[in-house]
Protein backbone atom coordinates (compact mmCIF):
# COMPACT_ATOMS: atom_id res chain seq x y z
CA ARG A 1 -25.21 23.41 -0.98
CA ALA A 2 -23.10 21.27 1.31
CA GLY A 3 -20.06 23.58 1.27
CA ASP A 4 -21.85 26.73 2.43
CA GLN A 5 -21.07 26.28 6.16
CA ALA A 6 -17.34 25.80 6.48
CA GLY A 7 -15.95 24.58 9.78
CA VAL A 8 -18.53 21.90 10.60
CA PRO A 9 -17.36 18.38 9.69
CA GLY A 10 -19.63 16.70 7.17
CA ASP A 11 -20.76 19.99 5.67
CA GLN A 12 -17.60 20.54 3.64
CA PRO A 13 -17.05 19.44 0.10
CA PRO A 14 -14.99 16.26 -0.36
CA GLY A 15 -11.82 18.38 -0.79
CA ASP A 16 -11.60 18.70 3.02
CA MET A 17 -11.50 14.94 3.54
CA PRO A 18 -7.77 14.86 4.37
CA GLU A 19 -8.57 16.93 7.48
CA GLU A 20 -11.16 14.38 8.64
CA THR A 21 -8.80 11.51 7.91
CA GLY A 22 -5.91 13.22 9.72
CA ARG A 23 -8.03 13.92 12.80
CA ALA A 24 -9.12 10.29 12.94
CA ALA A 25 -5.53 9.11 12.48
CA GLU A 26 -4.48 11.25 15.45
CA TRP A 27 -7.08 9.51 17.59
CA GLY A 28 -5.76 6.19 16.33
CA LEU A 29 -2.26 7.10 17.47
CA VAL A 30 -3.55 8.14 20.89
CA GLY A 31 -5.49 4.90 21.26
CA ALA A 32 -2.49 2.86 20.14
CA ALA A 33 -0.25 4.61 22.68
CA TYR A 34 -2.63 3.71 25.49
CA ASP A 35 -2.92 0.15 24.20
CA ILE A 36 0.85 -0.25 24.06
CA MET A 37 1.26 1.16 27.58
CA LEU A 38 -1.48 -1.04 29.07
CA TYR A 39 -0.58 -4.22 27.17
CA PRO A 40 3.14 -3.97 26.36
CA PRO A 41 4.16 -6.11 23.39
CA ASP A 42 7.22 -8.34 23.46
CA THR A 43 9.16 -6.57 20.70
CA ALA A 44 9.48 -3.12 19.18
CA LEU A 45 8.19 -4.52 15.89
CA GLN A 46 4.95 -5.61 17.58
CA SER A 47 4.60 -2.11 19.06
CA PHE A 48 5.00 -0.58 15.63
CA GLN A 49 2.48 -3.01 14.13
CA LYS A 50 -0.09 -2.18 16.83
CA ALA A 51 0.36 1.55 16.32
CA ALA A 52 0.18 1.29 12.54
CA SER A 53 -2.89 -0.93 12.61
CA ALA A 54 -4.83 1.35 14.96
CA THR A 55 -3.82 4.48 13.06
CA VAL A 56 -4.77 3.08 9.65
CA THR A 57 -8.07 1.75 10.98
CA MET A 58 -9.06 5.08 12.51
CA ALA A 59 -7.92 7.02 9.43
CA THR A 60 -10.04 4.73 7.27
CA LEU A 61 -13.08 5.23 9.50
CA GLY A 62 -12.57 9.01 9.39
CA ALA A 63 -12.31 9.00 5.60
CA VAL A 64 -15.40 6.80 5.25
CA PHE A 65 -17.36 9.01 7.64
CA GLY A 66 -16.34 12.21 5.85
CA ALA A 67 -17.03 10.83 2.38
CA THR A 68 -20.38 9.34 3.31
CA THR A 69 -21.55 12.44 5.15
CA CYS A 70 -20.57 14.73 2.27
CA LEU A 71 -22.12 12.39 -0.30
CA THR A 72 -25.43 12.09 1.52
CA ALA A 73 -25.53 15.87 2.08
CA GLU A 74 -25.05 16.41 -1.66
CA LEU A 75 -27.47 13.69 -2.77
CA ARG A 76 -30.21 14.73 -0.35
CA ASP A 77 -29.53 18.47 -0.83
CA ALA A 78 -29.81 18.86 2.95
CA PRO A 79 -26.40 19.83 4.36
CA ASP A 80 -27.63 20.59 7.89
CA ASP A 81 -29.64 17.42 8.40
CA PRO A 82 -28.48 15.16 11.28
CA LEU A 83 -29.52 12.17 9.16
CA ASN A 84 -26.39 12.75 7.03
CA TYR A 85 -24.28 12.34 10.14
CA PHE A 86 -26.22 9.26 11.21
CA ILE A 87 -25.67 7.64 7.81
CA GLY A 88 -21.95 8.54 7.88
CA GLY A 89 -21.54 7.10 11.37
CA CYS A 90 -23.49 3.99 10.48
CA VAL A 91 -21.39 3.29 7.38
CA SER A 92 -18.22 3.81 9.43
CA GLY A 93 -19.50 1.30 11.98
CA ALA A 94 -20.26 -1.17 9.22
CA VAL A 95 -16.69 -0.81 7.92
CA LEU A 96 -15.39 -1.48 11.43
CA GLY A 97 -17.54 -4.62 11.59
CA ALA A 98 -16.24 -5.76 8.20
CA ARG A 99 -12.67 -5.28 9.40
CA ALA A 100 -13.44 -7.32 12.51
CA HIS A 101 -15.30 -9.96 10.44
CA SER A 102 -18.22 -9.62 12.85
CA PHE A 103 -21.83 -8.78 12.05
CA ALA A 104 -22.52 -8.05 15.72
CA THR A 105 -19.64 -5.57 15.90
CA GLY A 106 -20.71 -3.90 12.67
CA SER A 107 -24.36 -3.54 13.58
CA THR A 108 -23.60 -2.30 17.09
CA ALA A 109 -20.96 0.14 15.84
CA CYS A 110 -23.35 1.29 13.09
CA ALA A 111 -26.04 2.18 15.62
CA GLY A 112 -23.59 3.64 18.15
CA PHE A 113 -21.54 5.75 15.73
CA GLY A 114 -24.67 6.86 13.89
CA ILE A 115 -26.46 8.00 17.03
CA LEU A 116 -23.36 9.76 18.40
CA ALA A 117 -22.73 11.54 15.10
CA ALA A 118 -26.36 12.67 14.82
CA LEU A 119 -26.35 13.90 18.42
CA PHE A 120 -23.13 15.79 17.71
CA LYS A 121 -24.76 17.53 14.75
CA ILE A 122 -27.93 18.30 16.71
CA SER A 123 -25.86 19.72 19.58
CA LYS A 124 -24.00 22.02 17.16
CA LYS A 125 -27.27 23.22 15.59
CA GLU A 126 -28.97 23.79 18.93
CA GLY A 127 -25.94 25.37 20.62
CA TRP A 128 -25.57 22.79 23.37
CA ASN A 129 -22.36 23.16 25.35
CA LEU A 130 -21.51 19.57 26.30
CA LEU A 131 -17.75 19.71 26.88
CA GLY A 132 -16.90 23.39 27.11
CA PRO A 133 -16.07 25.44 30.17
CA PRO A 134 -18.95 26.19 32.53
CA LYS A 135 -20.78 29.46 32.13
CA LEU A 136 -20.61 31.57 35.27
């Protein structure tokens, strides 16, 4: 079952989706802060609109990724399969392309997010240490 391995995103039941959405929203806020610092808007209202737009977009992508990954894990009865992550990333990329009204953005984001998500899952399964402290 998909909920047997708690703690790995995409392997939880849909009840843990708020966590995925919240994590993505946090990244949206971070990205918006950098965007506002690099390209300062003219008014405070424009700053708020930029921050809200980025946060809602990232939260939506996180929710779509979590829902799709959980759904494919349940439908395929294969919770540890990297293909679930690829499908979740691809659907999230397609949503981003739909928001941008661009097929090129959607197809590129689909491939990019899907590959990154699958590699993330493979690295967790294989025990790769990509970003952790060096082993001495």
